[in-house]
Each structure stands twice: as C-alpha cells, then as structure tokens.
Amino acid sequence: MASPHSGTAPSQKVPVIDGAAGPCSLELTVTTSDAKPVYAATIKVHVTYGFAGIRKLDLEAGTNADGKVKFIGLPSRVHRPPLEFQASKDQWVGTAAYNPDAECHARHDIMLQLPKPPVSK
C-alpha cells in the first residue's frame, strides 16, 4: 500500500496563513495512520462569520516537512460551528473540526486515510 509520506523534504518553519478576521489560531499536524508527518498536504477551510454569516473566507495552505501548518486571524465566532479543515494529498484525505468560540488558540492533528469506497445497493 502506498503512503503519502515524503521523507526527503528538509525540516522547515511552520507555514502561517493569516485570515485577518479575528484573534483565534489553529495549528494543524497532518500525519499518516502510522504517525509519520505528511509533507505538502493541502488543507482547505471555508469560514462564514459576522451577522447571519454574511462574511465569507476561504483559506488554503500546504504543510511543511513536519506535516505542520498554522492558521491565524480566525474569527472567534463563526456561523454554524465547528469549522471543518479538510486535508488531502493525492488520494488520501482527513478532516479536523475546530470551534474557535470554545478553543480560540488550539492544536489539532489530522490523520490521512484512503477514502472508503461507496456502498453499492
């Protein structure tokens, strides 16, 4: 079975993406099922906030060699929490739920797995 892990990338600073919408932050670490960091995984999040969710923000970032990325400037209150951070690399996927109202400055892990095949009827 192939793995999304890439052991050739050098260790580097944690990439930081600033949403410029508030005081909260989330640091994510993306790993394989055997706890190895995933280099160059893409993480996306869609944020709706403000009165009736009128403001929208789409953020996307890639992980460093240690499987890490940090999102800062997230709003403390969002419309319909939690936020869902979706990570992917090749065919591997994973998600992390984050509610900035409950934990303004947080760290979460995302474990990438192969998606389950659709159930046949």
PDB file of N, CA and C in Angstrom:
ATOM      1  N   MET A   1       0.846  -1.167   0.000  1.00  0.00           N
ATOM      2  CA  MET A   1       0.000   0.000   0.000  1.00  0.00           C
ATOM      3  C   MET A   1       0.897   1.238   0.000  1.00  0.00           C
ATOM      4  N   ALA A   2       0.642   2.180  -0.892  1.00  0.00           N
ATOM      5  CA  ALA A   2       1.419   3.408  -0.971  1.00  0.00           C
ATOM      6  C   ALA A   2       1.067   4.332   0.185  1.00  0.00           C
ATOM      7  N   SER A   3       2.007   5.201   0.519  1.00  0.00           N
ATOM      8  CA  SER A   3       1.805   6.136   1.615  1.00  0.00           C
ATOM      9  C   SER A   3       2.037   7.554   1.127  1.00  0.00           C
ATOM     10  N   PRO A   4       1.298   8.547   1.657  1.00  0.00           N
ATOM     11  CA  PRO A   4       1.515   9.925   1.228  1.00  0.00           C
ATOM     12  C   PRO A   4       2.746  10.561   1.857  1.00  0.00           C
ATOM     13  N   HIS A   5       3.467   9.825   2.724  1.00  0.00           N
ATOM     14  CA  HIS A   5       4.622  10.357   3.438  1.00  0.00           C
ATOM     15  C   HIS A   5       5.770  10.623   2.474  1.00  0.00           C
ATOM     16  N   SER A   6       6.429  11.740   2.659  1.00  0.00           N
ATOM     17  CA  SER A   6       7.615  12.061   1.888  1.00  0.00           C
ATOM     18  C   SER A   6       8.743  12.368   2.853  1.00  0.00           C
ATOM     19  N   GLY A   7       9.731  11.484   2.951  1.00  0.00           N
ATOM     20  CA  GLY A   7      10.809  11.652   3.909  1.00  0.00           C
ATOM     21  C   GLY A   7      11.983  12.460   3.383  1.00  0.00           C
ATOM     22  N   THR A   8      11.923  12.975   2.145  1.00  0.00           N
ATOM     23  CA  THR A   8      13.061  13.661   1.561  1.00  0.00           C
ATOM     24  C   THR A   8      13.059  15.160   1.806  1.00  0.00           C
ATOM     25  N   ALA A   9      11.955  15.730   2.236  1.00  0.00           N
ATOM     26  CA  ALA A   9      11.871  17.177   2.422  1.00  0.00           C
ATOM     27  C   ALA A   9      12.561  17.582   3.723  1.00  0.00           C
ATOM     28  N   PRO A  10      13.331  18.683   3.701  1.00  0.00           N
ATOM     29  CA  PRO A  10      14.002  19.128   4.918  1.00  0.00           C
ATOM     30  C   PRO A  10      13.017  19.766   5.895  1.00  0.00           C
ATOM     31  N   SER A  11      13.345  19.731   7.186  1.00  0.00           N
ATOM     32  CA  SER A  11      12.530  20.372   8.202  1.00  0.00           C
ATOM     33  C   SER A  11      12.580  21.880   7.983  1.00  0.00           C
ATOM     34  N   GLN A  12      11.479  22.561   8.202  1.00  0.00           N
ATOM     35  CA  GLN A  12      11.416  23.993   7.922  1.00  0.00           C
ATOM     36  C   GLN A  12      10.437  24.685   8.846  1.00  0.00           C
ATOM     37  N   LYS A  13      10.372  26.011   8.722  1.00  0.00           N
ATOM     38  CA  LYS A  13       9.445  26.789   9.535  1.00  0.00           C
ATOM     39  C   LYS A  13       8.010  26.386   9.228  1.00  0.00           C
ATOM     40  N   VAL A  14       7.155  26.523  10.221  1.00  0.00           N
ATOM     41  CA  VAL A  14       5.736  26.209  10.045  1.00  0.00           C
ATOM     42  C   VAL A  14       5.103  27.303   9.185  1.00  0.00           C
ATOM     43  N   PRO A  15       4.472  26.939   8.055  1.00  0.00           N
ATOM     44  CA  PRO A  15       3.784  27.939   7.240  1.00  0.00           C
ATOM     45  C   PRO A  15       2.629  28.557   8.030  1.00  0.00           C
ATOM     46  N   VAL A  16       2.461  29.873   7.902  1.00  0.00           N
ATOM     47  CA  VAL A  16       1.402  30.586   8.608  1.00  0.00           C
ATOM     48  C   VAL A  16       0.514  31.292   7.590  1.00  0.00           C
ATOM     49  N   ILE A  17      -0.790  31.051   7.681  1.00  0.00           N
ATOM     50  CA  ILE A  17      -1.764  31.694   6.817  1.00  0.00           C
ATOM     51  C   ILE A  17      -2.632  32.597   7.686  1.00  0.00           C
ATOM     52  N   ASP A  18      -2.722  33.885   7.328  1.00  0.00           N
ATOM     53  CA  ASP A  18      -3.470  34.860   8.121  1.00  0.00           C
ATOM     54  C   ASP A  18      -4.792  35.195   7.456  1.00  0.00           C
ATOM     55  N   GLY A  19      -5.904  34.825   8.122  1.00  0.00           N
ATOM     56  CA  GLY A  19      -7.235  35.144   7.616  1.00  0.00           C
ATOM     57  C   GLY A  19      -7.639  36.580   7.886  1.00  0.00           C
ATOM     58  N   ALA A  20      -6.908  37.283   8.777  1.00  0.00           N
ATOM     59  CA  ALA A  20      -7.157  38.689   9.108  1.00  0.00           C
ATOM     60  C   ALA A  20      -8.618  38.956   9.474  1.00  0.00           C
ATOM     61  N   ALA A  21      -9.252  38.012  10.186  1.00  0.00           N
ATOM     62  CA  ALA A  21     -10.666  38.164  10.530  1.00  0.00           C
ATOM     63  C   ALA A  21     -10.931  38.062  12.027  1.00  0.00           C
ATOM     64  N   GLY A  22      -9.877  37.902  12.847  1.00  0.00           N
ATOM     65  CA  GLY A  22     -10.106  37.780  14.279  1.00  0.00           C
ATOM     66  C   GLY A  22      -8.861  37.349  15.033  1.00  0.00           C
ATOM     67  N   PRO A  23      -9.023  37.065  16.341  1.00  0.00           N
ATOM     68  CA  PRO A  23      -7.875  36.786  17.210  1.00  0.00           C
ATOM     69  C   PRO A  23      -7.481  35.316  17.337  1.00  0.00           C
ATOM     70  N   CYS A  24      -8.235  34.404  16.756  1.00  0.00           N
ATOM     71  CA  CYS A  24      -8.011  32.975  17.011  1.00  0.00           C
ATOM     72  C   CYS A  24      -7.007  32.351  16.046  1.00  0.00           C
ATOM     73  N   SER A  25      -6.474  31.190  16.473  1.00  0.00           N
ATOM     74  CA  SER A  25      -5.500  30.480  15.644  1.00  0.00           C
ATOM     75  C   SER A  25      -5.643  28.979  15.845  1.00  0.00           C
ATOM     76  N   LEU A  26      -5.200  28.236  14.840  1.00  0.00           N
ATOM     77  CA  LEU A  26      -5.212  26.777  14.891  1.00  0.00           C
ATOM     78  C   LEU A  26      -3.956  26.260  14.227  1.00  0.00           C
ATOM     79  N   GLU A  27      -3.189  25.426  14.966  1.00  0.00           N
ATOM     80  CA  GLU A  27      -2.032  24.761  14.385  1.00  0.00           C
ATOM     81  C   GLU A  27      -2.415  23.319  14.114  1.00  0.00           C
ATOM     82  N   LEU A  28      -2.184  22.882  12.885  1.00  0.00           N
ATOM     83  CA  LEU A  28      -2.539  21.521  12.475  1.00  0.00           C
ATOM     84  C   LEU A  28      -1.287  20.724  12.158  1.00  0.00           C
ATOM     85  N   THR A  29      -1.323  19.432  12.501  1.00  0.00           N
ATOM     86  CA  THR A  29      -0.278  18.492  12.117  1.00  0.00           C
ATOM     87  C   THR A  29      -0.952  17.362  11.348  1.00  0.00           C
ATOM     88  N   VAL A  30      -0.512  17.154  10.119  1.00  0.00           N
ATOM     89  CA  VAL A  30      -1.084  16.124   9.255  1.00  0.00           C
ATOM     90  C   VAL A  30      -0.142  14.922   9.253  1.00  0.00           C
ATOM     91  N   THR A  31      -0.714  13.749   9.563  1.00  0.00           N
ATOM     92  CA  THR A  31       0.091  12.527   9.642  1.00  0.00           C
ATOM     93  C   THR A  31      -0.574  11.387   8.878  1.00  0.00           C
ATOM     94  N   THR A  32       0.210  10.332   8.661  1.00  0.00           N
ATOM     95  CA  THR A  32      -0.322   9.086   8.124  1.00  0.00           C
ATOM     96  C   THR A  32      -0.857   8.259   9.288  1.00  0.00           C
ATOM     97  N   SER A  33      -1.466   7.130   8.999  1.00  0.00           N
ATOM     98  CA  SER A  33      -2.007   6.280  10.058  1.00  0.00           C
ATOM     99  C   SER A  33      -0.915   5.714  10.963  1.00  0.00           C
ATOM    100  N   ASP A  34       0.337   5.702  10.484  1.00  0.00           N
ATOM    101  CA  ASP A  34       1.444   5.243  11.330  1.00  0.00           C
ATOM    102  C   ASP A  34       2.211   6.420  11.940  1.00  0.00           C
ATOM    103  N   ALA A  35       1.550   7.575  12.052  1.00  0.00           N
ATOM    104  CA  ALA A  35       2.040   8.771  12.745  1.00  0.00           C
ATOM    105  C   ALA A  35       3.234   9.457  12.074  1.00  0.00           C
ATOM    106  N   LYS A  36       3.447   9.241  10.783  1.00  0.00           N
ATOM    107  CA  LYS A  36       4.514   9.936  10.068  1.00  0.00           C
ATOM    108  C   LYS A  36       3.956  11.239   9.493  1.00  0.00           C
ATOM    109  N   PRO A  37       4.723  12.341   9.569  1.00  0.00           N
ATOM    110  CA  PRO A  37       4.236  13.611   9.033  1.00  0.00           C
ATOM    111  C   PRO A  37       4.075  13.558   7.512  1.00  0.00           C
ATOM    112  N   VAL A  38       3.101  14.310   7.011  1.00  0.00           N
ATOM    113  CA  VAL A  38       2.838  14.346   5.578  1.00  0.00           C
ATOM    114  C   VAL A  38       3.270  15.705   5.030  1.00  0.00           C
ATOM    115  N   TYR A  39       4.252  15.692   4.141  1.00  0.00           N
ATOM    116  CA  TYR A  39       4.767  16.895   3.509  1.00  0.00           C
ATOM    117  C   TYR A  39       3.878  17.288   2.331  1.00  0.00           C
ATOM    118  N   ALA A  40       3.605  18.575   2.178  1.00  0.00           N
ATOM    119  CA  ALA A  40       2.856  19.140   1.048  1.00  0.00           C
ATOM    120  C   ALA A  40       1.406  18.667   0.974  1.00  0.00           C
ATOM    121  N   ALA A  41       0.817  18.345   2.110  1.00  0.00           N
ATOM    122  CA  ALA A  41      -0.625  18.084   2.129  1.00  0.00           C
ATOM    123  C   ALA A  41      -1.329  19.434   2.004  1.00  0.00           C
ATOM    124  N   THR A  42      -2.461  19.466   1.323  1.00  0.00           N
ATOM    125  CA  THR A  42      -3.239  20.690   1.159  1.00  0.00           C
ATOM    126  C   THR A  42      -4.354  20.706   2.187  1.00  0.00           C
ATOM    127  N   ILE A  43      -4.503  21.830   2.884  1.00  0.00           N
ATOM    128  CA  ILE A  43      -5.575  21.978   3.870  1.00  0.00           C
ATOM    129  C   ILE A  43      -6.437  23.155   3.460  1.00  0.00           C
ATOM    130  N   LYS A  44      -7.753  22.917   3.391  1.00  0.00           N
ATOM    131  CA  LYS A  44      -8.711  23.947   2.997  1.00  0.00           C
ATOM    132  C   LYS A  44      -9.756  24.110   4.084  1.00  0.00           C
ATOM    133  N   VAL A  45     -10.253  25.358   4.226  1.00  0.00           N
ATOM    134  CA  VAL A  45     -11.347  25.629   5.152  1.00  0.00           C
ATOM    135  C   VAL A  45     -12.197  26.763   4.580  1.00  0.00           C
ATOM    136  N   HIS A  46     -13.512  26.653   4.752  1.00  0.00           N
ATOM    137  CA  HIS A  46     -14.454  27.708   4.376  1.00  0.00           C
ATOM    138  C   HIS A  46     -15.043  28.263   5.665  1.00  0.00           C
ATOM    139  N   VAL A  47     -14.903  29.569   5.872  1.00  0.00           N
ATOM    140  CA  VAL A  47     -15.359  30.212   7.103  1.00  0.00           C
ATOM    141  C   VAL A  47     -16.465  31.208   6.767  1.00  0.00           C
ATOM    142  N   THR A  48     -17.605  31.093   7.461  1.00  0.00           N
ATOM    143  CA  THR A  48     -18.645  32.118   7.383  1.00  0.00           C
ATOM    144  C   THR A  48     -18.786  32.707   8.771  1.00  0.00           C
ATOM    145  N   TYR A  49     -18.835  34.040   8.846  1.00  0.00           N
ATOM    146  CA  TYR A  49     -18.881  34.709  10.139  1.00  0.00           C
ATOM    147  C   TYR A  49     -19.581  36.050   9.986  1.00  0.00           C
ATOM    148  N   GLY A  50     -19.709  36.766  11.083  1.00  0.00           N
ATOM    149  CA  GLY A  50     -20.409  38.043  11.071  1.00  0.00           C
ATOM    150  C   GLY A  50     -21.907  37.822  11.193  1.00  0.00           C
ATOM    151  N   PHE A  51     -22.662  38.907  11.205  1.00  0.00           N
ATOM    152  CA  PHE A  51     -24.111  38.845  11.357  1.00  0.00           C
ATOM    153  C   PHE A  51     -24.705  37.968  10.261  1.00  0.00           C
ATOM    154  N   ALA A  52     -25.422  36.922  10.670  1.00  0.00           N
ATOM    155  CA  ALA A  52     -26.091  35.973   9.758  1.00  0.00           C
ATOM    156  C   ALA A  52     -25.126  35.297   8.787  1.00  0.00           C
ATOM    157  N   GLY A  53     -23.844  35.256   9.132  1.00  0.00           N
ATOM    158  CA  GLY A  53     -22.865  34.585   8.274  1.00  0.00           C
ATOM    159  C   GLY A  53     -22.626  35.294   6.965  1.00  0.00           C
ATOM    160  N   ILE A  54     -22.781  36.628   6.971  1.00  0.00           N
ATOM    161  CA  ILE A  54     -22.670  37.404   5.735  1.00  0.00           C
ATOM    162  C   ILE A  54     -21.246  37.494   5.205  1.00  0.00           C
ATOM    163  N   ARG A  55     -20.256  37.375   6.088  1.00  0.00           N
ATOM    164  CA  ARG A  55     -18.854  37.427   5.650  1.00  0.00           C
ATOM    165  C   ARG A  55     -18.338  36.019   5.407  1.00  0.00           C
ATOM    166  N   LYS A  56     -17.547  35.882   4.350  1.00  0.00           N
ATOM    167  CA  LYS A  56     -17.032  34.568   3.975  1.00  0.00           C
ATOM    168  C   LYS A  56     -15.537  34.647   3.731  1.00  0.00           C
ATOM    169  N   LEU A  57     -14.857  33.551   4.055  1.00  0.00           N
ATOM    170  CA  LEU A  57     -13.416  33.489   3.926  1.00  0.00           C
ATOM    171  C   LEU A  57     -13.040  32.068   3.524  1.00  0.00           C
ATOM    172  N   ASP A  58     -12.281  31.927   2.439  1.00  0.00           N
ATOM    173  CA  ASP A  58     -11.770  30.625   2.014  1.00  0.00           C
ATOM    174  C   ASP A  58     -10.252  30.659   2.136  1.00  0.00           C
ATOM    175  N   LEU A  59      -9.711  29.737   2.936  1.00  0.00           N
ATOM    176  CA  LEU A  59      -8.271  29.674   3.145  1.00  0.00           C
ATOM    177  C   LEU A  59      -7.749  28.319   2.684  1.00  0.00           C
ATOM    178  N   GLU A  60      -6.517  28.327   2.181  1.00  0.00           N
ATOM    179  CA  GLU A  60      -5.863  27.091   1.740  1.00  0.00           C
ATOM    180  C   GLU A  60      -4.377  27.210   2.011  1.00  0.00           C
ATOM    181  N   ALA A  61      -3.782  26.123   2.502  1.00  0.00           N
ATOM    182  CA  ALA A  61      -2.348  26.128   2.810  1.00  0.00           C
ATOM    183  C   ALA A  61      -1.780  24.730   2.644  1.00  0.00           C
ATOM    184  N   GLY A  62      -0.465  24.670   2.497  1.00  0.00           N
ATOM    185  CA  GLY A  62       0.236  23.397   2.407  1.00  0.00           C
ATOM    186  C   GLY A  62       1.107  23.173   3.631  1.00  0.00           C
ATOM    187  N   THR A  63       1.293  21.913   4.000  1.00  0.00           N
ATOM    188  CA  THR A  63       2.090  21.575   5.174  1.00  0.00           C
ATOM    189  C   THR A  63       3.581  21.589   4.844  1.00  0.00           C
ATOM    190  N   ASN A  64       4.388  21.763   5.890  1.00  0.00           N
ATOM    191  CA  ASN A  64       5.841  21.697   5.729  1.00  0.00           C
ATOM    192  C   ASN A  64       6.293  20.235   5.874  1.00  0.00           C
ATOM    193  N   ALA A  65       7.596  20.020   5.938  1.00  0.00           N
ATOM    194  CA  ALA A  65       8.141  18.661   6.020  1.00  0.00           C
ATOM    195  C   ALA A  65       7.739  17.938   7.304  1.00  0.00           C
ATOM    196  N   ASP A  66       7.395  18.707   8.345  1.00  0.00           N
ATOM    197  CA  ASP A  66       6.944  18.112   9.603  1.00  0.00           C
ATOM    198  C   ASP A  66       5.438  17.900   9.633  1.00  0.00           C
ATOM    199  N   GLY A  67       4.751  18.146   8.505  1.00  0.00           N
ATOM    200  CA  GLY A  67       3.299  17.966   8.419  1.00  0.00           C
ATOM    201  C   GLY A  67       2.523  19.068   9.112  1.00  0.00           C
ATOM    202  N   LYS A  68       3.154  20.229   9.336  1.00  0.00           N
ATOM    203  CA  LYS A  68       2.519  21.297  10.118  1.00  0.00           C
ATOM    204  C   LYS A  68       2.148  22.502   9.262  1.00  0.00           C
ATOM    205  N   VAL A  69       1.075  23.177   9.696  1.00  0.00           N
ATOM    206  CA  VAL A  69       0.651  24.459   9.137  1.00  0.00           C
ATOM    207  C   VAL A  69      -0.144  25.172  10.221  1.00  0.00           C
ATOM    208  N   LYS A  70      -0.110  26.510  10.209  1.00  0.00           N
ATOM    209  CA  LYS A  70      -0.840  27.269  11.223  1.00  0.00           C
ATOM    210  C   LYS A  70      -1.726  28.310  10.552  1.00  0.00           C
ATOM    211  N   PHE A  71      -2.985  28.340  10.970  1.00  0.00           N
ATOM    212  CA  PHE A  71      -3.939  29.346  10.512  1.00  0.00           C
ATOM    213  C   PHE A  71      -4.113  30.355  11.643  1.00  0.00           C
ATOM    214  N   ILE A  72      -3.871  31.635  11.356  1.00  0.00           N
ATOM    215  CA  ILE A  72      -4.079  32.681  12.351  1.00  0.00           C
ATOM    216  C   ILE A  72      -5.112  33.666  11.808  1.00  0.00           C
ATOM    217  N   GLY A  73      -5.547  34.600  12.664  1.00  0.00           N
ATOM    218  CA  GLY A  73      -6.500  35.599  12.222  1.00  0.00           C
ATOM    219  C   GLY A  73      -7.886  35.035  11.962  1.00  0.00           C
ATOM    220  N   LEU A  74      -8.230  33.959  12.678  1.00  0.00           N
ATOM    221  CA  LEU A  74      -9.559  33.359  12.518  1.00  0.00           C
ATOM    222  C   LEU A  74     -10.549  34.059  13.445  1.00  0.00           C
ATOM    223  N   PRO A  75     -11.808  34.228  13.012  1.00  0.00           N
ATOM    224  CA  PRO A  75     -12.791  34.879  13.878  1.00  0.00           C
ATOM    225  C   PRO A  75     -13.116  34.011  15.092  1.00  0.00           C
ATOM    226  N   SER A  76     -13.425  34.663  16.221  1.00  0.00           N
ATOM    227  CA  SER A  76     -13.741  33.914  17.439  1.00  0.00           C
ATOM    228  C   SER A  76     -15.159  33.333  17.405  1.00  0.00           C
ATOM    229  N   ARG A  77     -16.018  33.911  16.601  1.00  0.00           N
ATOM    230  CA  ARG A  77     -17.377  33.378  16.445  1.00  0.00           C
ATOM    231  C   ARG A  77     -17.648  33.156  14.963  1.00  0.00           C
ATOM    232  N   VAL A  78     -18.104  31.960  14.653  1.00  0.00           N
ATOM    233  CA  VAL A  78     -18.396  31.624  13.264  1.00  0.00           C
ATOM    234  C   VAL A  78     -19.851  31.198  13.131  1.00  0.00           C
ATOM    235  N   HIS A  79     -20.350  31.289  11.918  1.00  0.00           N
ATOM    236  CA  HIS A  79     -21.712  30.868  11.627  1.00  0.00           C
ATOM    237  C   HIS A  79     -21.723  29.344  11.492  1.00  0.00           C
ATOM    238  N   ARG A  80     -22.585  28.678  12.220  1.00  0.00           N
ATOM    239  CA  ARG A  80     -22.708  27.209  12.207  1.00  0.00           C
ATOM    240  C   ARG A  80     -21.395  26.491  12.509  1.00  0.00           C
ATOM    241  N   PRO A  81     -20.869  26.647  13.730  1.00  0.00           N
ATOM    242  CA  PRO A  81     -19.635  25.923  14.088  1.00  0.00           C
ATOM    243  C   PRO A  81     -19.900  24.421  14.156  1.00  0.00           C
ATOM    244  N   PRO A  82     -18.893  23.590  14.116  1.00  0.00           N
ATOM    245  CA  PRO A  82     -17.469  23.923  14.026  1.00  0.00           C
ATOM    246  C   PRO A  82     -17.013  24.119  12.590  1.00  0.00           C
ATOM    247  N   LEU A  83     -15.823  24.719  12.445  1.00  0.00           N
ATOM    248  CA  LEU A  83     -15.181  24.807  11.137  1.00  0.00           C
ATOM    249  C   LEU A  83     -14.622  23.426  10.808  1.00  0.00           C
ATOM    250  N   GLU A  84     -14.635  23.078   9.538  1.00  0.00           N
ATOM    251  CA  GLU A  84     -14.099  21.783   9.120  1.00  0.00           C
ATOM    252  C   GLU A  84     -12.886  22.008   8.226  1.00  0.00           C
ATOM    253  N   PHE A  85     -11.722  21.643   8.741  1.00  0.00           N
ATOM    254  CA  PHE A  85     -10.478  21.753   7.984  1.00  0.00           C
ATOM    255  C   PHE A  85     -10.277  20.441   7.242  1.00  0.00           C
ATOM    256  N   GLN A  86     -10.231  20.513   5.914  1.00  0.00           N
ATOM    257  CA  GLN A  86     -10.121  19.312   5.077  1.00  0.00           C
ATOM    258  C   GLN A  86      -8.714  19.219   4.507  1.00  0.00           C
ATOM    259  N   ALA A  87      -8.042  18.112   4.820  1.00  0.00           N
ATOM    260  CA  ALA A  87      -6.676  17.888   4.347  1.00  0.00           C
ATOM    261  C   ALA A  87      -6.680  16.809   3.275  1.00  0.00           C
ATOM    262  N   SER A  88      -5.757  16.943   2.314  1.00  0.00           N
ATOM    263  CA  SER A  88      -5.644  15.917   1.274  1.00  0.00           C
ATOM    264  C   SER A  88      -4.230  15.910   0.695  1.00  0.00           C
ATOM    265  N   LYS A  89      -3.852  14.747   0.248  1.00  0.00           N
ATOM    266  CA  LYS A  89      -2.604  14.566  -0.502  1.00  0.00           C
ATOM    267  C   LYS A  89      -2.809  13.352  -1.377  1.00  0.00           C
ATOM    268  N   ASP A  90      -2.698  13.561  -2.691  1.00  0.00           N
ATOM    269  CA  ASP A  90      -3.011  12.519  -3.653  1.00  0.00           C
ATOM    270  C   ASP A  90      -4.427  12.013  -3.375  1.00  0.00           C
ATOM    271  N   GLN A  91      -4.608  10.704  -3.176  1.00  0.00           N
ATOM    272  CA  GLN A  91      -5.953  10.183  -2.901  1.00  0.00           C
ATOM    273  C   GLN A  91      -6.269  10.106  -1.411  1.00  0.00           C
ATOM    274  N   TRP A  92      -5.347  10.507  -0.549  1.00  0.00           N
ATOM    275  CA  TRP A  92      -5.512  10.437   0.899  1.00  0.00           C
ATOM    276  C   TRP A  92      -6.268  11.663   1.408  1.00  0.00           C
ATOM    277  N   VAL A  93      -7.161  11.472   2.400  1.00  0.00           N
ATOM    278  CA  VAL A  93      -7.971  12.573   2.934  1.00  0.00           C
ATOM    279  C   VAL A  93      -8.121  12.469   4.452  1.00  0.00           C
ATOM    280  N   GLY A  94      -8.441  13.601   5.076  1.00  0.00           N
ATOM    281  CA  GLY A  94      -8.718  13.634   6.504  1.00  0.00           C
ATOM    282  C   GLY A  94      -9.326  14.980   6.868  1.00  0.00           C
ATOM    283  N   THR A  95      -9.979  15.055   8.025  1.00  0.00           N
ATOM    284  CA  THR A  95     -10.597  16.302   8.459  1.00  0.00           C
ATOM    285  C   THR A  95     -10.340  16.548   9.950  1.00  0.00           C
ATOM    286  N   ALA A  96     -10.445  17.822  10.319  1.00  0.00           N
ATOM    287  CA  ALA A  96     -10.387  18.219  11.720  1.00  0.00           C
ATOM    288  C   ALA A  96     -11.479  19.252  11.957  1.00  0.00           C
ATOM    289  N   ALA A  97     -12.221  19.081  13.050  1.00  0.00           N
ATOM    290  CA  ALA A  97     -13.257  20.044  13.431  1.00  0.00           C
ATOM    291  C   ALA A  97     -12.671  20.994  14.468  1.00  0.00           C
ATOM    292  N   TYR A  98     -12.994  22.288  14.320  1.00  0.00           N
ATOM    293  CA  TYR A  98     -12.452  23.313  15.212  1.00  0.00           C
ATOM    294  C   TYR A  98     -13.516  24.372  15.473  1.00  0.00           C
ATOM    295  N   ASN A  99     -13.815  24.599  16.744  1.00  0.00           N
ATOM    296  CA  ASN A  99     -14.766  25.629  17.138  1.00  0.00           C
ATOM    297  C   ASN A  99     -13.999  26.736  17.866  1.00  0.00           C
ATOM    298  N   PRO A 100     -13.743  27.868  17.189  1.00  0.00           N
ATOM    299  CA  PRO A 100     -12.947  28.922  17.807  1.00  0.00           C
ATOM    300  C   PRO A 100     -13.611  29.548  19.034  1.00  0.00           C
ATOM    301  N   ASP A 101     -14.924  29.465  19.155  1.00  0.00           N
ATOM    302  CA  ASP A 101     -15.619  30.001  20.320  1.00  0.00           C
ATOM    303  C   ASP A 101     -15.272  29.192  21.573  1.00  0.00           C
ATOM    304  N   ALA A 102     -15.032  27.891  21.408  1.00  0.00           N
ATOM    305  CA  ALA A 102     -14.720  27.007  22.537  1.00  0.00           C
ATOM    306  C   ALA A 102     -13.223  26.928  22.817  1.00  0.00           C
ATOM    307  N   GLU A 103     -12.395  27.071  21.796  1.00  0.00           N
ATOM    308  CA  GLU A 103     -10.937  26.963  21.932  1.00  0.00           C
ATOM    309  C   GLU A 103     -10.266  27.908  20.936  1.00  0.00           C
ATOM    310  N   CYS A 104     -10.072  29.153  21.333  1.00  0.00           N
ATOM    311  CA  CYS A 104      -9.573  30.187  20.411  1.00  0.00           C
ATOM    312  C   CYS A 104      -8.169  29.866  19.885  1.00  0.00           C
ATOM    313  N   HIS A 105      -7.293  29.363  20.729  1.00  0.00           N
ATOM    314  CA  HIS A 105      -5.934  29.011  20.300  1.00  0.00           C
ATOM    315  C   HIS A 105      -5.755  27.511  20.523  1.00  0.00           C
ATOM    316  N   ALA A 106      -5.704  26.762  19.418  1.00  0.00           N
ATOM    317  CA  ALA A 106      -5.729  25.304  19.550  1.00  0.00           C
ATOM    318  C   ALA A 106      -4.704  24.642  18.632  1.00  0.00           C
ATOM    319  N   ARG A 107      -4.472  23.357  18.934  1.00  0.00           N
ATOM    320  CA  ARG A 107      -3.648  22.474  18.100  1.00  0.00           C
ATOM    321  C   ARG A 107      -4.448  21.197  17.873  1.00  0.00           C
ATOM    322  N   HIS A 108      -4.498  20.752  16.623  1.00  0.00           N
ATOM    323  CA  HIS A 108      -5.209  19.526  16.282  1.00  0.00           C
ATOM    324  C   HIS A 108      -4.360  18.709  15.319  1.00  0.00           C
ATOM    325  N   ASP A 109      -4.639  17.423  15.290  1.00  0.00           N
ATOM    326  CA  ASP A 109      -4.000  16.514  14.337  1.00  0.00           C
ATOM    327  C   ASP A 109      -5.029  16.053  13.324  1.00  0.00           C
ATOM    328  N   ILE A 110      -4.565  15.832  12.102  1.00  0.00           N
ATOM    329  CA  ILE A 110      -5.397  15.239  11.053  1.00  0.00           C
ATOM    330  C   ILE A 110      -4.668  14.002  10.558  1.00  0.00           C
ATOM    331  N   MET A 111      -5.317  12.844  10.636  1.00  0.00           N
ATOM    332  CA  MET A 111      -4.726  11.615  10.126  1.00  0.00           C
ATOM    333  C   MET A 111      -5.323  11.333   8.747  1.00  0.00           C
ATOM    334  N   LEU A 112      -4.446  11.240   7.749  1.00  0.00           N
ATOM    335  CA  LEU A 112      -4.908  10.962   6.395  1.00  0.00           C
ATOM    336  C   LEU A 112      -5.154   9.469   6.205  1.00  0.00           C
ATOM    337  N   GLN A 113      -6.235   9.171   5.511  1.00  0.00           N
ATOM    338  CA  GLN A 113      -6.603   7.796   5.197  1.00  0.00           C
ATOM    339  C   GLN A 113      -7.138   7.749   3.781  1.00  0.00           C
ATOM    340  N   LEU A 114      -7.158   6.559   3.223  1.00  0.00           N
ATOM    341  CA  LEU A 114      -7.806   6.392   1.923  1.00  0.00           C
ATOM    342  C   LEU A 114      -9.306   6.487   2.110  1.00  0.00           C
ATOM    343  N   PRO A 115     -10.012   7.175   1.206  1.00  0.00           N
ATOM    344  CA  PRO A 115     -11.469   7.269   1.368  1.00  0.00           C
ATOM    345  C   PRO A 115     -12.113   5.892   1.226  1.00  0.00           C
ATOM    346  N   LYS A 116     -13.207   5.724   1.974  1.00  0.00           N
ATOM    347  CA  LYS A 116     -13.929   4.457   1.901  1.00  0.00           C
ATOM    348  C   LYS A 116     -14.705   4.397   0.584  1.00  0.00           C
ATOM    349  N   PRO A 117     -14.711   3.233  -0.089  1.00  0.00           N
ATOM    350  CA  PRO A 117     -15.457   3.127  -1.333  1.00  0.00           C
ATOM    351  C   PRO A 117     -16.958   3.279  -1.084  1.00  0.00           C
ATOM    352  N   PRO A 118     -17.678   3.821  -2.055  1.00  0.00           N
ATOM    353  CA  PRO A 118     -19.121   3.971  -1.876  1.00  0.00           C
ATOM    354  C   PRO A 118     -19.803   2.613  -1.709  1.00  0.00           C
ATOM    355  N   VAL A 119     -20.847   2.604  -0.915  1.00  0.00           N
ATOM    356  CA  VAL A 119     -21.584   1.373  -0.662  1.00  0.00           C
ATOM    357  C   VAL A 119     -22.511   1.096  -1.844  1.00  0.00           C
ATOM    358  N   SER A 120     -22.412  -0.099  -2.401  1.00  0.00           N
ATOM    359  CA  SER A 120     -23.265  -0.493  -3.523  1.00  0.00           C
ATOM    360  C   SER A 120     -24.614  -0.958  -3.010  1.00  0.00           C
ATOM    361  N   LYS A 121     -25.651  -0.679  -3.799  1.00  0.00           N
ATOM    362  CA  LYS A 121     -27.003  -1.118  -3.423  1.00  0.00           C
ATOM    363  C   LYS A 121     -27.403  -2.317  -4.217  1.00  0.00           C
TER     364      LYS A 121
END
